[in-house]
Structure formats: structure tokens, C-alpha cells
Amino acid sequence: MKEAAEKEAVEEEGAEEEGAEEEADNVEEELQVVSNDEVEKLKKDMLDLQEGMLKINKSMKDGF
């Protein structure tokens, strides 16, 4: 009984890994070309987000 459960767990783990590999393959196929303007906007948005997160972190530390 225990061996059957272990075998099933190994099979499920293998299926999960295969699913993750297939998903990674799909992501690679979905790459899109973006303009430099779009890249710069994304960079700015990410920096704004990072700045906001740092402010939240600081206010949480100061509040406690």
C-alpha cells in the first residue's frame, strides 16, 4: 500500500514537471516584439512600482 502511494506521488511529480516544461515552451513561443518606447515605459513603470514599494516598506517600519 505504501509503495503504491509513493509510486503515485512520483508519477504526479513527473506529470507536474512535464506540465511546467510545456508551459515554459508556450511562453517562449509567445514572445512579442516591442518598440523602444514601450520598453522605456515599462522600465519607468517598474521603477515607479519599486519606489512605491520602498515607501510602503518604510512607512510600515516607521509605524511599528
N, C-alpha and C. Protein backbone atom coordinates (compact mmCIF):
# COMPACT_ATOMS: atom_id res chain seq x y z
N MET A 1 0.83 -1.19 0.00
CA MET A 1 0.00 0.00 0.00
C MET A 1 0.87 1.25 0.00
N LYS A 2 1.89 1.28 0.88
CA LYS A 2 2.78 2.43 0.96
C LYS A 2 3.55 2.61 -0.34
N GLU A 3 3.99 1.50 -0.94
CA GLU A 3 4.72 1.56 -2.20
C GLU A 3 3.86 2.15 -3.30
N ALA A 4 2.59 1.79 -3.33
CA ALA A 4 1.68 2.31 -4.35
C ALA A 4 1.51 3.82 -4.20
N ALA A 5 1.41 4.29 -2.97
CA ALA A 5 1.27 5.72 -2.71
C ALA A 5 2.53 6.46 -3.14
N GLU A 6 3.70 5.88 -2.84
CA GLU A 6 4.96 6.50 -3.23
C GLU A 6 5.09 6.54 -4.75
N LYS A 7 4.70 5.45 -5.42
CA LYS A 7 4.77 5.39 -6.87
C LYS A 7 3.86 6.45 -7.48
N GLU A 8 2.66 6.60 -6.93
CA GLU A 8 1.71 7.59 -7.43
C GLU A 8 2.27 9.00 -7.23
N ALA A 9 2.90 9.26 -6.10
CA ALA A 9 3.48 10.57 -5.83
C ALA A 9 4.59 10.89 -6.83
N VAL A 10 5.41 9.90 -7.15
CA VAL A 10 6.49 10.09 -8.13
C VAL A 10 5.90 10.37 -9.51
N GLU A 11 4.84 9.64 -9.87
CA GLU A 11 4.20 9.85 -11.17
C GLU A 11 3.59 11.24 -11.25
N GLU A 12 2.94 11.70 -10.16
CA GLU A 12 2.35 13.03 -10.14
C GLU A 12 3.43 14.09 -10.27
N GLU A 13 4.56 13.89 -9.59
CA GLU A 13 5.65 14.85 -9.66
C GLU A 13 6.18 14.93 -11.09
N GLY A 14 6.32 13.80 -11.74
CA GLY A 14 6.78 13.78 -13.13
C GLY A 14 5.80 14.49 -14.04
N ALA A 15 4.51 14.30 -13.82
CA ALA A 15 3.49 14.97 -14.63
C ALA A 15 3.54 16.47 -14.41
N GLU A 16 3.78 16.91 -13.17
CA GLU A 16 3.88 18.34 -12.88
C GLU A 16 5.09 18.94 -13.60
N GLU A 17 6.22 18.23 -13.59
CA GLU A 17 7.41 18.72 -14.27
C GLU A 17 7.18 18.84 -15.76
N GLU A 18 6.51 17.84 -16.35
CA GLU A 18 6.21 17.89 -17.77
C GLU A 18 5.30 19.07 -18.08
N GLY A 19 4.31 19.31 -17.23
CA GLY A 19 3.40 20.43 -17.41
C GLY A 19 4.14 21.75 -17.34
N ALA A 20 5.09 21.86 -16.41
CA ALA A 20 5.88 23.09 -16.29
C ALA A 20 6.75 23.30 -17.52
N GLU A 21 7.32 22.21 -18.05
CA GLU A 21 8.14 22.32 -19.26
C GLU A 21 7.30 22.76 -20.45
N GLU A 22 6.10 22.18 -20.58
CA GLU A 22 5.21 22.57 -21.68
C GLU A 22 4.82 24.03 -21.56
N GLU A 23 4.54 24.48 -20.34
CA GLU A 23 4.17 25.88 -20.12
C GLU A 23 5.34 26.79 -20.49
N ALA A 24 6.56 26.40 -20.11
CA ALA A 24 7.74 27.19 -20.45
C ALA A 24 7.90 27.26 -21.96
N ASP A 25 7.66 26.16 -22.65
CA ASP A 25 7.74 26.16 -24.11
C ASP A 25 6.71 27.11 -24.70
N ASN A 26 5.51 27.11 -24.14
CA ASN A 26 4.46 28.00 -24.64
C ASN A 26 4.83 29.46 -24.43
N VAL A 27 5.44 29.78 -23.30
CA VAL A 27 5.85 31.15 -23.02
C VAL A 27 6.88 31.59 -24.05
N GLU A 28 7.82 30.72 -24.36
CA GLU A 28 8.84 31.05 -25.34
C GLU A 28 8.21 31.36 -26.69
N GLU A 29 7.15 30.66 -27.05
CA GLU A 29 6.50 30.87 -28.33
C GLU A 29 5.70 32.16 -28.37
N GLU A 30 5.35 32.72 -27.19
CA GLU A 30 4.50 33.89 -27.13
C GLU A 30 5.30 35.20 -27.08
N LEU A 31 6.59 35.15 -27.31
CA LEU A 31 7.39 36.37 -27.30
C LEU A 31 6.90 37.34 -28.36
N GLN A 32 6.92 38.62 -28.01
CA GLN A 32 6.47 39.63 -28.95
C GLN A 32 7.53 40.71 -29.07
N VAL A 33 7.55 41.33 -30.23
CA VAL A 33 8.47 42.44 -30.46
C VAL A 33 7.81 43.70 -29.91
N VAL A 34 8.57 44.48 -29.14
CA VAL A 34 8.05 45.74 -28.62
C VAL A 34 8.99 46.87 -29.01
N SER A 35 8.44 48.05 -29.11
CA SER A 35 9.25 49.20 -29.50
C SER A 35 10.10 49.68 -28.32
N ASN A 36 11.11 50.48 -28.64
CA ASN A 36 11.95 51.05 -27.58
C ASN A 36 11.12 51.93 -26.64
N ASP A 37 10.13 52.64 -27.20
CA ASP A 37 9.27 53.48 -26.36
C ASP A 37 8.52 52.63 -25.34
N GLU A 38 8.02 51.47 -25.78
CA GLU A 38 7.30 50.58 -24.87
C GLU A 38 8.24 50.05 -23.79
N VAL A 39 9.47 49.73 -24.17
CA VAL A 39 10.45 49.23 -23.20
C VAL A 39 10.75 50.31 -22.17
N GLU A 40 10.94 51.54 -22.62
CA GLU A 40 11.23 52.64 -21.71
C GLU A 40 10.05 52.90 -20.77
N LYS A 41 8.83 52.80 -21.28
CA LYS A 41 7.64 52.99 -20.43
C LYS A 41 7.57 51.89 -19.38
N LEU A 42 7.85 50.65 -19.79
CA LEU A 42 7.85 49.54 -18.83
C LEU A 42 8.91 49.74 -17.75
N LYS A 43 10.10 50.19 -18.15
CA LYS A 43 11.16 50.45 -17.18
C LYS A 43 10.72 51.51 -16.18
N LYS A 44 10.13 52.60 -16.69
CA LYS A 44 9.66 53.68 -15.82
C LYS A 44 8.59 53.16 -14.86
N ASP A 45 7.65 52.39 -15.39
CA ASP A 45 6.58 51.84 -14.55
C ASP A 45 7.16 50.94 -13.46
N MET A 46 8.17 50.15 -13.81
CA MET A 46 8.78 49.26 -12.83
C MET A 46 9.51 50.06 -11.75
N LEU A 47 10.19 51.13 -12.16
CA LEU A 47 10.88 51.98 -11.18
C LEU A 47 9.87 52.67 -10.26
N ASP A 48 8.76 53.14 -10.84
CA ASP A 48 7.71 53.76 -10.03
C ASP A 48 7.14 52.76 -9.02
N LEU A 49 6.92 51.55 -9.48
CA LEU A 49 6.41 50.50 -8.60
C LEU A 49 7.40 50.20 -7.48
N GLN A 50 8.67 50.10 -7.85
CA GLN A 50 9.70 49.84 -6.85
C GLN A 50 9.75 50.96 -5.82
N GLU A 51 9.67 52.21 -6.29
CA GLU A 51 9.69 53.35 -5.38
C GLU A 51 8.49 53.30 -4.43
N GLY A 52 7.33 52.98 -4.96
CA GLY A 52 6.14 52.87 -4.13
C GLY A 52 6.27 51.78 -3.09
N MET A 53 6.84 50.65 -3.49
CA MET A 53 7.02 49.55 -2.55
C MET A 53 8.01 49.93 -1.44
N LEU A 54 9.06 50.67 -1.80
CA LEU A 54 10.02 51.11 -0.79
C LEU A 54 9.37 52.07 0.20
N LYS A 55 8.49 52.96 -0.31
CA LYS A 55 7.79 53.89 0.57
C LYS A 55 6.87 53.13 1.53
N ILE A 56 6.16 52.15 1.00
CA ILE A 56 5.27 51.34 1.84
C ILE A 56 6.08 50.60 2.90
N ASN A 57 7.20 50.03 2.49
CA ASN A 57 8.06 49.30 3.42
C ASN A 57 8.55 50.23 4.53
N LYS A 58 8.99 51.43 4.15
CA LYS A 58 9.48 52.39 5.13
C LYS A 58 8.37 52.80 6.08
N SER A 59 7.18 53.08 5.55
CA SER A 59 6.08 53.50 6.41
C SER A 59 5.66 52.38 7.36
N MET A 60 5.75 51.14 6.90
CA MET A 60 5.41 50.02 7.78
C MET A 60 6.43 49.89 8.90
N LYS A 61 7.71 50.08 8.57
CA LYS A 61 8.75 50.01 9.60
C LYS A 61 8.59 51.15 10.60
N ASP A 62 8.31 52.35 10.09
CA ASP A 62 8.14 53.51 10.97
C ASP A 62 6.89 53.37 11.84
N GLY A 63 5.88 52.71 11.31
CA GLY A 63 4.62 52.56 12.04
C GLY A 63 4.69 51.56 13.18
N PHE A 64 5.65 50.68 13.14
CA PHE A 64 5.74 49.64 14.17
C PHE A 64 6.87 49.90 15.08
